[in-house]
N, C-alpha and C. Protein backbone atom coordinates (compact mmCIF):
# COMPACT_ATOMS: atom_id res chain seq x y z
N MET A 1 138.84 79.15 89.69
CA MET A 1 138.54 77.74 89.02
C MET A 1 136.64 78.36 89.45
N MET A 2 136.49 77.63 88.37
CA MET A 2 134.86 78.04 88.40
C MET A 2 134.57 75.72 88.73
N ARG A 3 132.81 76.04 88.92
CA ARG A 3 132.56 74.71 89.39
C ARG A 3 130.71 74.86 88.88
N LYS A 4 130.56 73.89 88.03
CA LYS A 4 129.04 73.89 87.83
C LYS A 4 128.43 73.45 88.82
N VAL A 5 127.01 73.61 89.54
CA VAL A 5 125.98 73.31 90.47
C VAL A 5 125.54 72.97 89.65
N ASP A 6 124.81 71.77 89.93
CA ASP A 6 123.78 70.89 89.58
C ASP A 6 122.91 70.03 90.56
N THR A 7 121.89 70.09 90.87
CA THR A 7 121.41 69.01 91.90
C THR A 7 119.55 68.90 91.80
N LYS A 8 119.36 67.41 91.33
CA LYS A 8 118.39 67.43 91.16
C LYS A 8 116.72 67.35 91.65
N LYS A 9 117.09 68.48 92.92
CA LYS A 9 116.54 68.57 94.08
C LYS A 9 115.90 69.91 93.72
N ALA A 10 116.00 70.98 92.90
CA ALA A 10 115.54 71.76 91.88
C ALA A 10 115.09 71.94 90.56
N PRO A 11 114.43 72.42 89.70
CA PRO A 11 114.17 71.99 88.42
C PRO A 11 115.24 72.34 87.63
N ALA A 12 115.67 71.17 86.77
CA ALA A 12 116.65 71.22 85.47
C ALA A 12 116.41 72.64 84.69
N ALA A 13 117.95 72.90 84.42
CA ALA A 13 117.88 74.43 83.74
C ALA A 13 116.95 73.82 82.37
N ILE A 14 116.20 74.85 81.96
CA ILE A 14 115.46 74.76 80.58
C ILE A 14 115.50 75.04 79.59
N GLY A 15 117.32 75.19 79.32
CA GLY A 15 117.51 76.39 77.89
C GLY A 15 119.16 75.82 78.50
N PRO A 16 120.01 77.12 77.65
CA PRO A 16 121.43 76.52 77.54
C PRO A 16 122.00 77.22 78.62
N TYR A 17 122.35 76.92 80.15
CA TYR A 17 122.59 77.58 81.40
C TYR A 17 122.50 76.34 81.81
N CYS A 18 122.57 76.43 83.79
CA CYS A 18 123.07 75.95 84.52
C CYS A 18 122.01 76.64 85.56
N GLN A 19 121.99 75.55 86.87
CA GLN A 19 121.08 76.08 87.92
C GLN A 19 122.14 77.00 88.46
N GLY A 20 123.38 77.08 88.62
CA GLY A 20 124.48 78.32 89.34
C GLY A 20 125.82 77.55 88.86
N MET A 21 127.31 78.83 89.14
CA MET A 21 128.46 78.20 89.02
C MET A 21 128.42 78.53 90.47
N ILE A 22 129.97 78.40 90.89
CA ILE A 22 130.90 78.48 92.19
C ILE A 22 132.54 78.98 91.43
N ILE A 23 132.29 80.88 91.68
CA ILE A 23 133.49 80.70 91.50
C ILE A 23 134.50 81.50 92.57
N ASP A 24 135.86 80.95 93.40
CA ASP A 24 136.22 81.88 94.36
C ASP A 24 135.24 80.79 95.18
N ARG A 25 135.18 81.90 96.12
CA ARG A 25 133.80 81.22 97.16
C ARG A 25 132.70 82.39 97.01
N LEU A 26 132.65 82.55 95.87
CA LEU A 26 130.62 83.09 95.75
C LEU A 26 129.70 82.38 94.56
N PHE A 27 129.16 81.94 94.59
CA PHE A 27 127.66 81.46 94.40
C PHE A 27 126.97 81.96 93.97
N PHE A 28 126.40 82.07 92.04
CA PHE A 28 125.63 82.75 91.45
C PHE A 28 124.41 82.52 90.91
N SER A 29 123.57 81.78 91.25
CA SER A 29 122.12 81.68 90.97
C SER A 29 121.50 81.41 89.72
N SER A 30 121.39 80.64 88.94
CA SER A 30 120.45 81.29 87.43
C SER A 30 118.91 81.42 88.53
N GLY A 31 118.36 82.27 87.69
CA GLY A 31 117.27 82.82 88.46
C GLY A 31 115.72 81.33 88.46
N GLN A 32 115.40 81.67 89.56
CA GLN A 32 114.57 79.99 89.69
C GLN A 32 112.97 80.62 89.42
N ILE A 33 112.41 79.93 89.34
CA ILE A 33 111.30 80.29 88.82
C ILE A 33 110.06 78.96 89.36
N PRO A 34 109.04 79.32 90.03
CA PRO A 34 108.07 78.15 90.77
C PRO A 34 107.75 77.18 90.02
N LEU A 35 108.85 76.21 89.40
CA LEU A 35 109.06 75.01 89.15
C LEU A 35 109.52 73.55 90.33
N THR A 36 108.38 72.68 89.96
CA THR A 36 109.04 71.63 91.21
C THR A 36 110.02 70.83 90.63
N PRO A 37 110.89 70.47 91.55
CA PRO A 37 112.09 69.52 90.51
C PRO A 37 111.53 68.58 89.89
N GLU A 38 110.23 68.56 89.36
CA GLU A 38 109.78 67.66 88.48
C GLU A 38 109.63 68.58 87.16
N GLY A 39 109.37 69.49 87.23
CA GLY A 39 109.11 70.08 86.29
C GLY A 39 107.94 71.03 85.92
N GLU A 40 107.38 70.63 87.11
CA GLU A 40 105.94 71.14 86.68
C GLU A 40 105.54 72.63 87.24
N MET A 41 104.96 73.54 86.87
CA MET A 41 104.80 74.87 87.37
C MET A 41 103.62 74.66 88.22
N VAL A 42 103.90 75.61 89.77
CA VAL A 42 103.13 75.72 90.36
C VAL A 42 102.43 77.12 90.13
N ASN A 43 100.09 76.98 89.58
CA ASN A 43 99.82 78.42 89.18
C ASN A 43 98.69 78.83 90.32
N GLY A 44 99.75 78.54 91.54
CA GLY A 44 98.94 79.21 92.25
C GLY A 44 98.74 80.98 92.60
N SER A 45 98.81 81.06 93.89
CA SER A 45 98.93 82.51 94.31
C SER A 45 100.75 82.79 94.24
N ILE A 46 100.98 84.90 94.42
CA ILE A 46 102.06 84.60 94.39
C ILE A 46 102.97 84.47 95.49
N GLU A 47 102.42 84.24 96.43
CA GLU A 47 102.44 83.36 97.80
C GLU A 47 103.05 82.16 97.56
N GLU A 48 102.22 81.17 96.97
CA GLU A 48 102.76 79.64 96.79
C GLU A 48 103.75 79.36 96.31
N GLN A 49 103.77 80.52 94.39
CA GLN A 49 105.09 80.26 93.37
C GLN A 49 106.43 80.92 94.38
N THR A 50 106.02 81.70 95.60
CA THR A 50 107.34 82.00 95.90
C THR A 50 107.83 81.43 97.15
N HIS A 51 107.00 80.83 97.90
CA HIS A 51 107.55 79.60 98.43
C HIS A 51 108.13 78.48 97.43
N GLN A 52 107.71 77.96 96.46
CA GLN A 52 108.32 77.29 95.54
C GLN A 52 109.87 77.79 95.26
N VAL A 53 109.97 79.13 94.71
CA VAL A 53 110.40 79.12 94.43
C VAL A 53 112.57 79.72 95.20
N PHE A 54 111.64 79.68 96.93
CA PHE A 54 112.75 79.73 97.65
C PHE A 54 112.46 78.32 97.97
N SER A 55 112.13 77.21 97.57
CA SER A 55 112.00 75.82 97.82
C SER A 55 113.61 74.96 96.90
N ASN A 56 113.52 76.08 95.49
CA ASN A 56 114.45 75.92 94.65
C ASN A 56 115.83 76.02 95.11
N LEU A 57 115.54 77.66 95.64
CA LEU A 57 117.23 78.16 95.83
C LEU A 57 117.29 77.77 96.76
N LYS A 58 117.06 77.13 98.09
CA LYS A 58 117.99 76.30 98.90
C LYS A 58 118.63 75.22 98.68
N ALA A 59 117.27 74.11 98.19
CA ALA A 59 118.01 73.51 96.91
C ALA A 59 119.61 73.62 96.26
N VAL A 60 119.40 74.47 95.46
CA VAL A 60 120.56 74.70 94.83
C VAL A 60 121.96 75.62 95.90
N LEU A 61 121.39 76.10 96.69
CA LEU A 61 122.66 76.77 97.26
C LEU A 61 123.21 76.29 98.26
N GLU A 62 121.88 74.81 98.67
CA GLU A 62 122.71 73.56 99.56
C GLU A 62 124.20 72.95 98.81
N GLU A 63 123.51 72.69 97.15
CA GLU A 63 124.38 71.57 96.71
C GLU A 63 125.93 72.26 96.79
N ALA A 64 125.96 73.75 96.25
CA ALA A 64 126.91 74.92 96.29
C ALA A 64 127.54 74.97 97.78
N GLY A 65 127.12 74.04 98.42
CA GLY A 65 127.78 74.25 99.55
C GLY A 65 127.63 75.83 100.51
N ALA A 66 126.57 76.38 100.18
CA ALA A 66 125.82 77.77 100.46
C ALA A 66 124.50 77.60 101.49
N SER A 67 123.67 78.89 101.50
CA SER A 67 123.11 78.70 102.48
C SER A 67 121.40 80.32 102.55
N LEU A 68 120.49 79.77 102.30
CA LEU A 68 119.96 81.74 102.53
C LEU A 68 120.51 82.05 103.57
N GLN A 69 121.35 82.06 104.60
CA GLN A 69 122.25 82.73 105.60
C GLN A 69 123.37 83.03 104.86
N THR A 70 123.54 82.36 104.39
CA THR A 70 125.17 83.64 103.65
C THR A 70 125.35 84.07 101.93
N VAL A 71 123.36 84.56 101.66
CA VAL A 71 123.36 85.06 100.52
C VAL A 71 123.54 86.44 100.76
N VAL A 72 124.31 87.26 99.60
CA VAL A 72 124.42 88.40 100.44
C VAL A 72 123.67 89.43 99.36
N LYS A 73 123.39 88.84 98.31
CA LYS A 73 122.54 89.44 96.80
C LYS A 73 121.18 88.33 96.50
N ALA A 74 119.69 89.54 96.17
CA ALA A 74 119.43 88.51 95.96
C ALA A 74 118.69 89.68 94.71
N THR A 75 118.40 89.47 93.68
CA THR A 75 117.55 89.48 92.55
C THR A 75 116.16 89.34 92.16
N VAL A 76 115.15 90.25 92.45
CA VAL A 76 113.99 89.77 92.86
C VAL A 76 113.14 90.35 90.91
N PHE A 77 112.73 89.30 90.42
CA PHE A 77 111.61 89.91 89.61
C PHE A 77 110.55 89.60 89.04
N LEU A 78 109.08 90.44 89.54
CA LEU A 78 108.00 89.93 90.13
C LEU A 78 107.18 90.63 88.75
N LYS A 79 106.14 89.51 87.80
CA LYS A 79 105.62 90.17 86.46
C LYS A 79 104.50 91.12 86.86
N ASP A 80 104.47 91.32 88.22
CA ASP A 80 102.86 92.96 88.90
C ASP A 80 103.43 92.95 89.98
N MET A 81 103.92 94.11 89.97
CA MET A 81 104.48 95.20 91.30
C MET A 81 103.16 95.27 92.24
N ASN A 82 101.20 95.28 92.27
CA ASN A 82 100.93 95.34 92.56
C ASN A 82 100.96 94.04 93.61
N THR A 83 101.80 93.22 92.92
CA THR A 83 101.56 91.52 94.07
C THR A 83 102.96 91.50 95.95
N PHE A 84 103.29 93.27 95.22
CA PHE A 84 104.76 93.21 95.98
C PHE A 84 104.51 92.78 97.53
N ALA A 85 103.62 93.39 98.04
CA ALA A 85 103.30 93.47 99.46
C ALA A 85 103.27 91.92 99.58
N ALA A 86 102.23 91.27 99.31
CA ALA A 86 102.19 89.93 99.39
C ALA A 86 103.59 88.78 99.20
N PHE A 87 104.51 89.22 98.51
CA PHE A 87 105.56 88.26 98.00
C PHE A 87 106.16 88.83 99.18
N ASN A 88 106.68 90.23 99.56
CA ASN A 88 107.48 90.52 100.59
C ASN A 88 106.91 90.09 102.18
N ILE A 89 105.88 89.71 102.18
CA ILE A 89 105.79 88.82 103.47
C ILE A 89 106.44 87.61 103.67
N VAL A 90 106.26 86.90 102.38
CA VAL A 90 106.63 86.10 102.23
C VAL A 90 108.15 85.41 102.05
N TYR A 91 108.74 86.38 101.32
CA TYR A 91 110.45 86.72 101.26
C TYR A 91 110.86 86.77 102.81
N GLY A 92 109.76 87.46 103.94
CA GLY A 92 110.52 87.98 105.31
C GLY A 92 110.29 86.56 105.92
N GLU A 93 109.92 86.08 105.24
CA GLU A 93 109.92 84.44 106.18
C GLU A 93 111.28 83.84 106.36
N TYR A 94 111.46 84.20 105.01
CA TYR A 94 113.14 83.30 105.08
C TYR A 94 114.65 84.22 104.82
N PHE A 95 114.10 85.45 104.46
CA PHE A 95 114.96 86.42 105.46
C PHE A 95 114.44 86.99 106.52
N SER A 96 114.53 87.30 108.22
CA SER A 96 114.00 87.71 108.93
C SER A 96 116.00 87.94 109.35
N GLU A 97 115.91 87.30 110.19
CA GLU A 97 117.49 88.09 110.77
C GLU A 97 118.25 88.34 110.03
N HIS A 98 118.42 87.20 109.12
CA HIS A 98 119.84 87.56 107.68
C HIS A 98 118.87 88.83 106.68
N LYS A 99 119.26 89.57 106.48
CA LYS A 99 118.52 90.57 105.05
C LYS A 99 119.81 90.65 104.59
N PRO A 100 119.88 90.12 103.22
CA PRO A 100 120.71 90.19 101.69
C PRO A 100 119.92 91.84 101.47
N ALA A 101 121.42 92.22 100.88
CA ALA A 101 121.20 93.33 99.65
C ALA A 101 119.85 92.76 98.75
N ARG A 102 118.99 93.42 97.94
CA ARG A 102 117.93 93.47 96.69
C ARG A 102 117.73 94.36 96.72
N SER A 103 117.21 94.03 94.91
CA SER A 103 116.63 94.63 94.04
C SER A 103 115.56 94.35 93.17
N CYS A 104 114.58 94.82 93.25
CA CYS A 104 113.34 94.36 93.19
C CYS A 104 112.80 95.27 91.78
N VAL A 105 112.28 94.48 90.68
CA VAL A 105 111.55 94.42 89.44
C VAL A 105 110.41 94.47 88.72
N GLU A 106 109.38 95.55 88.56
CA GLU A 106 108.49 94.49 87.53
C GLU A 106 109.36 94.14 85.78
N VAL A 107 108.75 93.37 85.56
CA VAL A 107 109.03 92.76 84.18
C VAL A 107 107.92 92.60 83.64
N ALA A 108 108.06 92.87 82.34
CA ALA A 108 106.83 92.36 81.47
C ALA A 108 106.53 90.70 81.35
N ARG A 109 107.11 90.18 81.04
CA ARG A 109 106.90 88.51 81.14
C ARG A 109 107.92 87.95 81.91
N LEU A 110 107.59 86.37 82.27
CA LEU A 110 108.90 85.87 83.00
C LEU A 110 108.71 84.57 81.96
N PRO A 111 110.03 83.70 82.17
CA PRO A 111 109.79 82.29 81.71
C PRO A 111 108.54 81.67 82.19
N LYS A 112 107.62 80.69 81.22
CA LYS A 112 106.28 79.87 82.03
C LYS A 112 105.09 81.30 82.49
N ASP A 113 105.45 82.36 81.93
CA ASP A 113 104.53 83.19 82.76
C ASP A 113 104.73 83.02 84.06
N ALA A 114 105.46 82.87 84.50
CA ALA A 114 106.06 82.69 86.30
C ALA A 114 105.24 84.01 86.65
N MET A 115 105.13 84.29 87.86
CA MET A 115 104.46 85.19 88.64
C MET A 115 105.25 86.11 89.50
N VAL A 116 106.88 85.12 89.46
CA VAL A 116 108.13 85.58 90.65
C VAL A 116 109.32 85.10 90.06
N GLU A 117 110.37 85.52 89.84
CA GLU A 117 111.84 84.59 89.41
C GLU A 117 112.70 85.27 90.59
N ILE A 118 113.56 84.41 91.18
CA ILE A 118 114.73 85.26 92.19
C ILE A 118 115.60 84.73 91.95
N GLU A 119 117.13 85.07 91.71
CA GLU A 119 118.26 84.55 91.23
C GLU A 119 119.23 85.41 92.75
N VAL A 120 120.45 84.63 92.94
CA VAL A 120 121.03 85.37 94.28
C VAL A 120 122.41 84.90 94.31
N ILE A 121 123.48 85.27 94.45
CA ILE A 121 124.42 85.58 95.28
C ILE A 121 124.95 85.19 96.52
N ALA A 122 125.78 84.12 97.23
CA ALA A 122 125.85 83.79 98.06
C ALA A 122 127.31 83.74 98.17
N SER A 123 127.78 83.51 99.68
CA SER A 123 129.47 83.06 99.49
C SER A 123 128.95 81.86 100.20
N VAL A 124 130.15 80.96 99.82
CA VAL A 124 130.55 79.53 100.07
C VAL A 124 131.46 79.48 100.76
N ASP A 125 130.86 78.60 101.42
CA ASP A 125 132.41 78.02 102.96
C ASP A 125 133.21 77.30 102.12
């Protein structure tokens, strides 16, 4: 059985998708960009944008009954791979002890010209 995840603690979907889906005991998030829960874009540095993305991810994971500690895979999209080192420092603040599998790619453009977007797959208790 599938269940849609929806929380007001993260930005609402801005298209024909949801914040995430649970099937069996796995949670699949939609990509999170640095929008506040109110829908305002964080137009700061890669570090500031990454912190906002993690704030959003934590909110949808919590709503799903998961957490950063149960993430098994993260997919990261960066606007500019030259920001990878700075991004990776912030990423490591959230995944220090627990290190999920990860892919990271540079893309031509992200929604709302974000510098970073992250989606995760997590185990749900």
